[in-house]
Amino acid sequence: MKIDIIGDIHGCYQELRTLVKKLGYIEDNGKLSHPENNKNAFLGDLTDRGPDSLSVINFVDSLVKQKIAFYTPGNHCNKLYRFFLGNKVQISHGLETTVAEYESLIAKQKHEIREKFISLYEAAPLYLVLDDGKLIIAHAGIKEDLIGLHNKKVKTFVLYGDISGEKHEDGSPVRRDWAKHYKGKATIVYGHTPVETVRVINHTYNIDTGAVFGGKLTALRYPSMEIIQVPSSMPLLKEKFKQFP
């Protein structure tokens, strides 16, 4: 099984299309294929902050329906899902960009994209277990003792990381460095926390290299573990990248 795992996209549609082409995928009449039968895997946060979130939704949904891609949601996906359900959510922290795109559509288009994303989200597992358990893909990661479980605690962890309940001065949650203490044999690929370069530690790979913050959009090719990247067209915001000791 050869899988090209793609990090947090956050509405960077052009970078996504460039990366998919660089990975060797060929498009013919709207159908995507790979000469070596590779598949894509998306680890969440398809939308928000970037310029073209709705095109990312359409593209990923199409690949999943063609059975050439896997998808598991991130916290931004979860918030958009709740917005589309009509739940009360804060239109902030990036969601405002996706909502603005959505509100610019005519009624029929609104219905189509809403139903499409709700179906995509509801069909997605909390995290992906692939290659007979050798590969785990989870948006914010997962602790070894949570693998195989699907309860509320697991949902919070895979969407938000190992949060302590405390807040930084800017209001963002304090997250513990779970990967530093991971001792499992399965390879875990995740994103959520932007890093300048792919962080590899204890069989874990953080591949969110901050495309929407001017970094790069990254793919990790499994099982060769080759890193393939394309540069972002967005302004560089170095303060958004996490520095690990």
Protein backbone atom coordinates (compact mmCIF):
# COMPACT_ATOMS: atom_id res chain seq x y z
CA MET A 1 0.00 0.00 0.00
CA LYS A 2 1.46 3.32 -1.13
CA ILE A 3 -0.15 6.39 0.42
CA ASP A 4 0.63 10.07 -0.08
CA ILE A 5 -0.42 11.79 3.16
CA ILE A 6 -1.07 15.51 2.76
CA GLY A 7 -0.86 17.98 5.64
CA ASP A 8 -3.21 20.80 6.67
CA ILE A 9 -4.43 22.59 3.52
CA HIS A 10 -6.50 25.41 5.02
CA GLY A 11 -7.99 26.55 1.73
CA CYS A 12 -4.69 26.64 -0.20
CA TYR A 13 -6.24 25.04 -3.26
CA GLN A 14 -3.63 26.01 -5.85
CA GLU A 15 -0.84 24.63 -3.66
CA LEU A 16 -2.84 21.40 -3.29
CA ARG A 17 -3.25 20.99 -7.04
CA THR A 18 0.44 21.72 -7.59
CA LEU A 19 1.43 19.18 -4.94
CA VAL A 20 -0.83 16.45 -6.34
CA LYS A 21 0.71 16.97 -9.77
CA LYS A 22 4.22 16.87 -8.27
CA LEU A 23 3.31 13.58 -6.60
CA GLY A 24 2.74 12.11 -10.05
CA TYR A 25 -1.04 11.97 -10.20
CA ILE A 26 -2.60 12.27 -13.65
CA GLU A 27 -5.99 13.88 -14.28
CA ASP A 28 -8.22 12.76 -17.11
CA ASN A 29 -11.81 14.00 -17.47
CA GLY A 30 -11.98 14.91 -13.79
CA LYS A 31 -10.63 11.50 -12.71
CA LEU A 32 -7.33 11.26 -10.89
CA SER A 33 -5.01 8.28 -11.07
CA HIS A 34 -1.42 7.39 -10.24
CA PRO A 35 0.83 5.16 -12.38
CA GLU A 36 1.80 3.17 -9.26
CA ASN A 37 -1.76 3.10 -7.87
CA ASN A 38 -0.89 5.42 -4.98
CA LYS A 39 -3.70 6.89 -2.91
CA ASN A 40 -3.98 10.21 -1.12
CA ALA A 41 -4.78 10.63 2.57
CA PHE A 42 -5.93 13.94 4.04
CA LEU A 43 -5.49 14.53 7.76
CA GLY A 44 -8.00 17.31 8.20
CA ASP A 45 -8.25 21.10 8.26
CA LEU A 46 -9.15 21.32 4.60
CA THR A 47 -10.65 24.78 5.06
CA ASP A 48 -10.37 28.20 6.76
CA ARG A 49 -7.87 31.05 6.55
CA GLY A 50 -6.83 30.36 2.95
CA PRO A 51 -8.30 31.77 -0.26
CA ASP A 52 -10.25 28.85 -1.74
CA SER A 53 -11.68 26.49 0.87
CA LEU A 54 -14.74 25.45 -1.11
CA SER A 55 -12.62 24.25 -4.05
CA VAL A 56 -10.59 22.15 -1.60
CA ILE A 57 -13.81 20.57 -0.30
CA ASN A 58 -14.98 19.77 -3.84
CA PHE A 59 -11.60 18.31 -4.82
CA VAL A 60 -11.14 16.13 -1.73
CA ASP A 61 -14.75 14.94 -1.86
CA SER A 62 -14.28 13.95 -5.50
CA LEU A 63 -11.14 11.93 -4.68
CA VAL A 64 -12.80 10.16 -1.77
CA LYS A 65 -15.77 9.25 -3.98
CA GLN A 66 -13.36 7.94 -6.64
CA LYS A 67 -11.82 5.78 -3.86
CA ILE A 68 -8.42 7.26 -4.55
CA ALA A 69 -8.25 9.09 -1.21
CA PHE A 70 -8.82 8.69 2.52
CA TYR A 71 -9.97 11.54 4.75
CA THR A 72 -10.12 12.14 8.49
CA PRO A 73 -11.28 15.49 9.88
CA GLY A 74 -9.51 18.19 11.85
CA ASN A 75 -10.83 20.73 14.34
CA HIS A 76 -11.57 23.27 11.60
CA CYS A 77 -13.52 20.60 9.72
CA ASN A 78 -15.49 19.88 12.88
CA LYS A 79 -16.34 23.56 13.36
CA LEU A 80 -17.45 23.97 9.74
CA TYR A 81 -19.58 20.84 10.10
CA ARG A 82 -21.30 22.32 13.15
CA PHE A 83 -21.82 25.60 11.27
CA PHE A 84 -23.45 23.75 8.37
CA LEU A 85 -25.71 21.90 10.82
CA GLY A 86 -26.92 25.27 12.06
CA ASN A 87 -25.26 25.04 15.47
CA LYS A 88 -24.09 28.20 17.19
CA VAL A 89 -20.35 28.59 16.53
CA GLN A 90 -18.02 31.56 16.63
CA ILE A 91 -17.29 32.78 13.10
CA SER A 92 -13.64 33.42 13.90
CA HIS A 93 -10.15 31.87 13.88
CA GLY A 94 -10.34 31.35 10.12
CA LEU A 95 -13.90 30.12 9.76
CA GLU A 96 -14.92 33.62 8.65
CA THR A 97 -13.06 33.16 5.34
CA THR A 98 -14.93 29.94 4.51
CA VAL A 99 -18.25 31.43 5.58
CA ALA A 100 -17.62 34.46 3.35
CA GLU A 101 -17.05 32.14 0.37
CA TYR A 102 -20.19 30.21 1.25
CA GLU A 103 -22.36 33.32 1.66
CA SER A 104 -21.32 34.56 -1.81
CA LEU A 105 -22.97 31.54 -3.46
CA ILE A 106 -26.50 31.33 -4.80
CA ALA A 107 -28.98 29.18 -2.85
CA LYS A 108 -28.55 26.05 -4.99
CA GLN A 109 -24.75 26.17 -4.72
CA LYS A 110 -25.00 26.70 -0.96
CA HIS A 111 -27.16 23.61 -0.62
CA GLU A 112 -24.81 21.51 -2.75
CA ILE A 113 -21.59 22.41 -0.91
CA ARG A 114 -23.27 22.13 2.48
CA GLU A 115 -24.67 18.66 1.77
CA LYS A 116 -21.42 17.55 0.18
CA PHE A 117 -19.31 18.52 3.19
CA ILE A 118 -21.76 17.13 5.73
CA SER A 119 -21.71 13.76 3.92
CA LEU A 120 -17.92 13.79 3.63
CA TYR A 121 -17.52 14.60 7.32
CA GLU A 122 -20.09 12.11 8.59
CA ALA A 123 -18.53 9.26 6.58
CA ALA A 124 -15.04 9.99 7.90
CA PRO A 125 -13.49 8.09 10.82
CA LEU A 126 -12.04 10.00 13.79
CA TYR A 127 -8.64 8.73 12.66
CA LEU A 128 -7.35 6.36 9.99
CA VAL A 129 -5.82 2.96 10.71
CA LEU A 130 -4.13 1.68 7.56
CA ASP A 131 -1.69 -1.01 6.43
CA ASP A 132 -2.83 -3.54 9.05
CA GLY A 133 -2.33 -1.08 11.88
CA LYS A 134 1.19 -0.07 10.90
CA LEU A 135 0.06 3.44 9.91
CA ILE A 136 -2.16 5.77 11.93
CA ILE A 137 -3.27 9.13 10.54
CA ALA A 138 -4.88 11.50 13.03
CA HIS A 139 -5.27 15.25 12.70
CA ALA A 140 -3.61 16.26 15.97
CA GLY A 141 -2.07 12.88 16.71
CA ILE A 142 -3.10 10.14 19.11
CA LYS A 143 -1.61 8.47 22.18
CA GLU A 144 -0.75 4.79 21.95
CA ASP A 145 -3.31 3.78 24.60
CA LEU A 146 -6.10 5.52 22.67
CA ILE A 147 -5.55 3.65 19.40
CA GLY A 148 -8.55 1.41 18.77
CA LEU A 149 -10.90 3.52 20.88
CA HIS A 150 -13.52 5.95 19.55
CA ASN A 151 -14.92 7.74 22.59
CA LYS A 152 -15.28 11.42 23.50
CA LYS A 153 -11.75 11.55 24.95
CA VAL A 154 -10.31 10.23 21.69
CA LYS A 155 -12.33 12.72 19.65
CA THR A 156 -11.00 15.65 21.71
CA PHE A 157 -7.42 14.37 21.40
CA VAL A 158 -7.41 13.74 17.64
CA LEU A 159 -9.06 17.10 16.91
CA TYR A 160 -7.22 19.35 19.36
CA GLY A 161 -4.16 17.48 20.61
CA ASP A 162 -3.12 16.80 24.19
CA ILE A 163 -4.64 19.97 25.64
CA SER A 164 -4.06 20.79 29.31
CA GLY A 165 -7.06 23.05 29.79
CA GLU A 166 -4.81 26.09 30.20
CA LYS A 167 -4.55 29.00 27.74
CA HIS A 168 -1.67 31.01 26.31
CA GLU A 169 -1.80 34.81 26.42
CA ASP A 170 -3.26 34.90 22.91
CA GLY A 171 -6.10 32.60 23.99
CA SER A 172 -4.80 29.50 22.23
CA PRO A 173 -4.80 26.24 24.24
CA VAL A 174 -1.67 24.90 25.90
CA ARG A 175 -0.81 21.55 24.31
CA ARG A 176 1.42 18.89 25.83
CA ASP A 177 4.10 17.34 23.60
CA TRP A 178 2.56 13.86 23.33
CA ALA A 179 4.87 12.81 20.47
CA LYS A 180 7.93 13.22 22.69
CA HIS A 181 6.62 10.41 24.90
CA TYR A 182 5.20 8.09 22.23
CA LYS A 183 6.69 4.59 22.40
CA GLY A 184 4.46 2.66 20.00
CA LYS A 185 5.54 0.73 16.91
CA ALA A 186 2.89 2.12 14.56
CA THR A 187 3.88 5.17 12.51
CA ILE A 188 1.66 8.13 13.41
CA VAL A 189 1.28 10.97 10.90
CA TYR A 190 -0.44 14.14 12.03
CA GLY A 191 -0.60 17.92 11.64
CA HIS A 192 -2.54 20.62 13.54
CA THR A 193 0.54 22.37 14.98
CA PRO A 194 2.45 24.29 12.27
CA VAL A 195 6.19 23.60 12.17
CA GLU A 196 8.80 25.08 9.81
CA THR A 197 10.15 21.65 8.88
CA VAL A 198 8.60 18.19 9.21
CA ARG A 199 9.09 17.05 12.80
CA VAL A 200 10.13 13.41 13.12
CA ILE A 201 10.28 11.89 16.60
CA ASN A 202 9.53 8.41 18.00
CA HIS A 203 7.81 7.05 14.86
CA THR A 204 5.67 10.21 14.59
CA TYR A 205 5.65 12.75 11.76
CA ASN A 206 4.14 16.23 12.03
CA ILE A 207 3.60 17.31 8.42
CA ASP A 208 1.73 20.58 8.98
CA THR A 209 4.36 22.93 7.58
CA GLY A 210 2.09 25.96 7.62
CA ALA A 211 1.05 26.37 4.00
CA VAL A 212 -1.54 28.99 4.95
CA PHE A 213 1.09 30.88 6.98
CA GLY A 214 3.54 31.15 4.10
CA GLY A 215 5.39 27.89 4.74
CA LYS A 216 4.96 24.82 2.55
CA LEU A 217 2.30 22.26 1.75
CA THR A 218 3.78 18.88 2.57
CA ALA A 219 3.11 15.30 1.52
CA LEU A 220 4.67 12.30 3.23
CA ARG A 221 4.91 9.29 0.95
CA TYR A 222 4.33 6.04 2.84
CA PRO A 223 6.05 3.59 3.25
CA SER A 224 9.18 5.17 1.75
CA MET A 225 8.72 8.20 4.10
CA GLU A 226 9.83 10.54 1.33
CA ILE A 227 8.90 14.17 1.96
CA ILE A 228 7.52 16.10 -1.03
CA GLN A 229 6.66 19.80 -0.72
CA VAL A 230 5.51 22.84 -2.66
CA PRO A 231 6.00 26.45 -1.52
CA SER A 232 3.09 28.56 -0.33
CA SER A 233 1.83 31.63 -2.15
CA MET A 234 0.71 33.15 1.16
CA PRO A 235 2.63 35.79 3.17
CA LEU A 236 5.12 34.34 5.65
CA LEU A 237 3.99 34.62 9.29
CA LYS A 238 6.90 33.12 11.22
CA GLU A 239 5.24 33.76 14.57
CA LYS A 240 2.61 31.14 13.72
CA PHE A 241 5.13 28.28 13.68
CA LYS A 242 5.75 26.23 16.81
CA GLN A 243 9.33 25.94 18.04
CA PHE A 244 10.14 22.74 19.92
CA PRO A 245 13.05 22.61 22.42
